[in-house]
Amino acid sequence: MSAALLLVASGRSPNVEELELDAAGVAHDRHGIGVDERLRTNIPGIWAAGDVTATIQLTPVAALQAQVAIVDMFGDGSRTLAYELIPTAIFTDPELASVGLSESEASERGFDVDTVSYAAKDLLRPYYVDAPHGLLKLVFERGSRRLLGVHAVIRAGSELVQGFAVALKLGATVDDLALGHYVFPSYGEGIHYAAEAVLTAAALDQPGLA
């Protein structure tokens, strides 16, 4: 067997050995310190944020965690962190990017899930950069058609998905996406066409969109 390229991926581990967590009684495991939605540990008066927590180890996540923890320490504790609304990306080519729930995650949470996809090869913009590969996928609740996740395997996917974090937070539906306006030619048009297919199928009462 031979290959032209080799991908080496390394993991991270929390640097907590010198914090004497056991002496303080702070719950932790090999993944990090356990925290709740306000970054509180199991010990009152002790918070944890950043890569030492057993959550997503990304710089913007650490910054958000710090903000939530500070509001809880010195404010009214009204802020919480919804990790599913944090966009993520892997900078391969095509990029792998997502925000919200995957199909399996949504099913595990009890949603009646449906999906719809749109191929990059059916858009005009990817041909400008000779990258007509990949796809865009929407995960949504079947009955309400509420958007649950946006996933992209496409050039510039990281730029594309992050704007939909707000749509997810505000409870947007695929109908909202279908009736919106998009730049032509752009990668985002794929979201439009995918959502439009859901809206059209619903109008025609056609099941099976995945």
Protein backbone atom coordinates (compact mmCIF):
# COMPACT_ATOMS: atom_id res chain seq x y z
CA MET A 1 0.00 0.00 0.00
CA SER A 2 1.26 3.50 -0.83
CA ALA A 3 -0.03 7.03 -0.28
CA ALA A 4 0.82 10.48 -1.56
CA LEU A 5 0.04 12.27 1.70
CA LEU A 6 0.14 11.39 5.39
CA LEU A 7 -2.05 13.13 7.98
CA VAL A 8 -0.69 13.21 11.51
CA ALA A 9 -3.24 14.26 14.13
CA SER A 10 -2.26 14.73 17.77
CA GLY A 11 -4.57 15.05 20.73
CA ARG A 12 -4.37 17.20 23.86
CA SER A 13 -4.64 16.45 27.53
CA PRO A 14 -5.51 18.87 30.35
CA ASN A 15 -2.52 20.21 32.29
CA VAL A 16 -3.90 19.80 35.81
CA GLU A 17 -1.27 17.72 37.58
CA GLU A 18 0.03 20.57 39.75
CA LEU A 19 -3.37 21.98 40.73
CA GLU A 20 -3.87 19.50 43.60
CA LEU A 21 -7.47 18.92 42.57
CA ASP A 22 -7.84 15.83 44.75
CA ALA A 23 -6.79 17.79 47.83
CA ALA A 24 -9.43 20.43 47.03
CA GLY A 25 -12.04 17.78 46.27
CA VAL A 26 -12.60 19.03 42.72
CA ALA A 27 -14.06 16.29 40.52
CA HIS A 28 -12.02 15.46 37.43
CA ASP A 29 -11.00 12.59 35.19
CA ARG A 30 -8.51 12.03 32.38
CA HIS A 31 -10.54 14.36 30.15
CA GLY A 32 -10.37 17.30 32.56
CA ILE A 33 -12.30 19.10 35.28
CA GLY A 34 -16.05 18.61 35.33
CA VAL A 35 -18.08 21.82 35.10
CA ASP A 36 -21.74 22.75 34.66
CA GLU A 37 -23.28 25.22 32.21
CA ARG A 38 -21.99 28.14 34.32
CA LEU A 39 -18.47 26.69 34.60
CA ARG A 40 -18.95 25.78 38.26
CA THR A 41 -17.09 22.75 39.55
CA ASN A 42 -18.57 20.46 42.17
CA ILE A 43 -16.99 22.61 44.89
CA PRO A 44 -18.81 25.91 45.67
CA GLY A 45 -16.63 28.92 44.95
CA ILE A 46 -14.41 27.13 42.42
CA TRP A 47 -14.87 27.57 38.68
CA ALA A 48 -12.83 26.20 35.78
CA ALA A 49 -12.51 27.39 32.19
CA GLY A 50 -10.42 26.62 29.14
CA ASP A 51 -8.56 23.49 28.15
CA VAL A 52 -8.60 22.10 31.70
CA THR A 53 -12.34 21.47 31.39
CA ALA A 54 -13.74 18.33 29.83
CA THR A 55 -15.29 20.28 26.96
CA ILE A 56 -14.29 21.57 23.51
CA GLN A 57 -10.60 22.57 23.55
CA LEU A 58 -10.66 25.64 21.33
CA THR A 59 -9.42 29.18 21.97
CA PRO A 60 -12.77 30.94 21.37
CA VAL A 61 -14.50 28.38 23.59
CA ALA A 62 -12.06 29.14 26.42
CA ALA A 63 -12.76 32.87 26.02
CA LEU A 64 -16.52 32.31 26.16
CA GLN A 65 -16.16 30.06 29.18
CA ALA A 66 -14.20 32.74 31.00
CA GLN A 67 -16.93 35.30 30.29
CA VAL A 68 -19.65 32.98 31.57
CA ALA A 69 -17.65 32.14 34.70
CA ILE A 70 -16.97 35.81 35.49
CA VAL A 71 -20.65 36.72 35.13
CA ASP A 72 -21.47 33.87 37.51
CA MET A 73 -18.79 34.94 39.99
CA PHE A 74 -19.54 38.66 40.09
CA GLY A 75 -22.85 39.11 38.30
CA ASP A 76 -26.27 37.54 38.28
CA GLY A 77 -25.22 34.21 36.80
CA SER A 78 -27.59 34.69 33.89
CA ARG A 79 -25.17 33.55 31.19
CA THR A 80 -24.77 29.93 30.19
CA LEU A 81 -22.84 28.29 27.37
CA ALA A 82 -24.61 26.19 24.73
CA TYR A 83 -21.79 24.19 23.20
CA GLU A 84 -23.89 23.05 20.25
CA LEU A 85 -24.05 26.67 19.05
CA ILE A 86 -20.27 26.93 18.75
CA PRO A 87 -19.08 26.57 15.13
CA THR A 88 -16.15 24.22 14.55
CA ALA A 89 -13.95 23.55 11.54
CA ILE A 90 -11.12 21.32 10.38
CA PHE A 91 -8.98 23.13 7.81
CA THR A 92 -8.53 20.37 5.29
CA ASP A 93 -9.43 20.77 1.63
CA PRO A 94 -12.38 20.68 1.46
CA GLU A 95 -12.93 22.11 4.92
CA LEU A 96 -15.05 20.16 7.41
CA ALA A 97 -17.23 22.60 9.30
CA SER A 98 -20.38 22.43 11.37
CA VAL A 99 -22.58 24.18 13.89
CA GLY A 100 -25.46 22.69 15.82
CA LEU A 101 -26.43 19.05 16.18
CA SER A 102 -25.53 16.17 13.90
CA GLU A 103 -28.27 13.80 12.77
CA SER A 104 -27.32 11.19 15.38
CA GLU A 105 -27.02 13.78 18.18
CA ALA A 106 -30.44 15.19 17.37
CA SER A 107 -31.96 11.69 17.36
CA GLU A 108 -30.37 10.94 20.73
CA ARG A 109 -32.04 14.06 22.14
CA GLY A 110 -35.43 12.80 21.05
CA PHE A 111 -36.01 14.89 17.93
CA ASP A 112 -37.88 13.44 14.96
CA VAL A 113 -35.04 14.21 12.58
CA ASP A 114 -34.88 14.80 8.86
CA THR A 115 -32.01 15.99 6.68
CA VAL A 116 -31.40 17.47 3.28
CA SER A 117 -28.15 17.89 1.36
CA TYR A 118 -26.87 19.85 -1.62
CA ALA A 119 -23.78 18.93 -3.61
CA ALA A 120 -21.01 21.44 -4.28
CA LYS A 121 -20.80 20.28 -7.89
CA ASP A 122 -24.26 21.75 -8.50
CA LEU A 123 -23.09 25.25 -7.50
CA LEU A 124 -21.28 27.69 -9.78
CA ARG A 125 -18.87 29.27 -7.27
CA PRO A 126 -16.72 26.15 -6.59
CA TYR A 127 -15.75 25.98 -10.25
CA TYR A 128 -14.09 29.39 -9.99
CA VAL A 129 -11.47 27.83 -7.71
CA ASP A 130 -11.46 24.37 -9.25
CA ALA A 131 -13.00 22.78 -6.15
CA PRO A 132 -16.35 21.30 -7.20
CA HIS A 133 -16.29 18.67 -4.46
CA GLY A 134 -18.14 18.35 -1.18
CA LEU A 135 -21.65 19.02 0.05
CA LEU A 136 -23.81 21.01 2.45
CA LYS A 137 -26.24 19.35 4.84
CA LEU A 138 -29.08 20.66 6.98
CA VAL A 139 -30.42 18.77 9.99
CA PHE A 140 -33.91 19.77 11.10
CA GLU A 141 -36.93 18.65 13.10
CA ARG A 142 -39.43 17.01 10.80
CA GLY A 143 -42.68 18.46 12.11
CA SER A 144 -41.73 22.03 12.93
CA ARG A 145 -38.90 22.11 10.36
CA ARG A 146 -36.81 23.91 12.99
CA LEU A 147 -33.15 24.01 12.06
CA LEU A 148 -30.96 21.84 14.32
CA GLY A 149 -27.61 21.79 12.54
CA VAL A 150 -25.65 23.00 9.51
CA HIS A 151 -22.76 20.91 8.21
CA ALA A 152 -20.36 21.59 5.36
CA VAL A 153 -17.70 19.63 3.54
CA ILE A 154 -16.73 22.35 1.09
CA ARG A 155 -14.15 25.03 0.35
CA ALA A 156 -14.62 27.94 2.81
CA GLY A 157 -16.95 25.83 4.95
CA SER A 158 -15.63 27.50 8.12
CA GLU A 159 -16.74 30.90 6.85
CA LEU A 160 -20.10 29.55 5.79
CA VAL A 161 -21.36 27.77 8.90
CA GLN A 162 -20.52 30.31 11.58
CA GLY A 163 -23.26 32.72 10.54
CA PHE A 164 -25.88 30.05 11.16
CA ALA A 165 -25.12 29.90 14.89
CA VAL A 166 -27.44 32.89 15.30
CA ALA A 167 -30.13 31.22 13.19
CA LEU A 168 -29.98 28.16 15.45
CA LYS A 169 -30.10 30.27 18.61
CA LEU A 170 -33.15 32.18 17.36
CA GLY A 171 -34.98 28.99 16.37
CA ALA A 172 -34.97 29.55 12.62
CA THR A 173 -36.66 27.00 10.38
CA VAL A 174 -35.59 25.65 7.01
CA ASP A 175 -38.48 27.68 5.62
CA ASP A 176 -36.75 30.83 6.89
CA LEU A 177 -33.56 29.79 5.09
CA ALA A 178 -35.44 28.96 1.91
CA LEU A 179 -37.14 32.34 1.81
CA GLY A 180 -33.95 34.30 2.49
CA HIS A 181 -31.73 36.01 -0.07
CA TYR A 182 -28.24 34.80 -0.98
CA VAL A 183 -25.31 36.17 -2.96
CA PHE A 184 -24.85 34.76 -6.46
CA PRO A 185 -22.55 33.04 -7.08
CA SER A 186 -21.62 31.85 -3.59
CA TYR A 187 -21.20 28.72 -1.50
CA GLY A 188 -24.10 29.82 0.67
CA GLU A 189 -26.48 29.27 -2.22
CA GLY A 190 -26.24 25.57 -1.42
CA ILE A 191 -27.96 26.23 1.90
CA HIS A 192 -30.67 28.10 0.06
CA TYR A 193 -31.26 25.33 -2.48
CA ALA A 194 -31.25 22.62 0.18
CA ALA A 195 -33.78 24.50 2.30
CA GLU A 196 -35.84 25.29 -0.78
CA ALA A 197 -36.09 21.57 -1.52
CA VAL A 198 -37.57 21.01 1.94
CA LEU A 199 -40.09 23.78 1.46
CA THR A 200 -41.09 22.49 -1.99
CA ALA A 201 -41.41 18.90 -0.78
CA ALA A 202 -43.55 20.02 2.14
CA ALA A 203 -45.83 21.91 -0.22
CA LEU A 204 -46.18 18.84 -2.39
CA ASP A 205 -46.43 16.54 0.67
CA GLN A 206 -43.52 14.42 -0.50
CA PRO A 207 -41.75 12.41 2.25
CA GLY A 208 -38.08 11.43 2.24
CA LEU A 209 -35.68 14.30 1.88
CA ALA A 210 -32.47 12.78 3.24
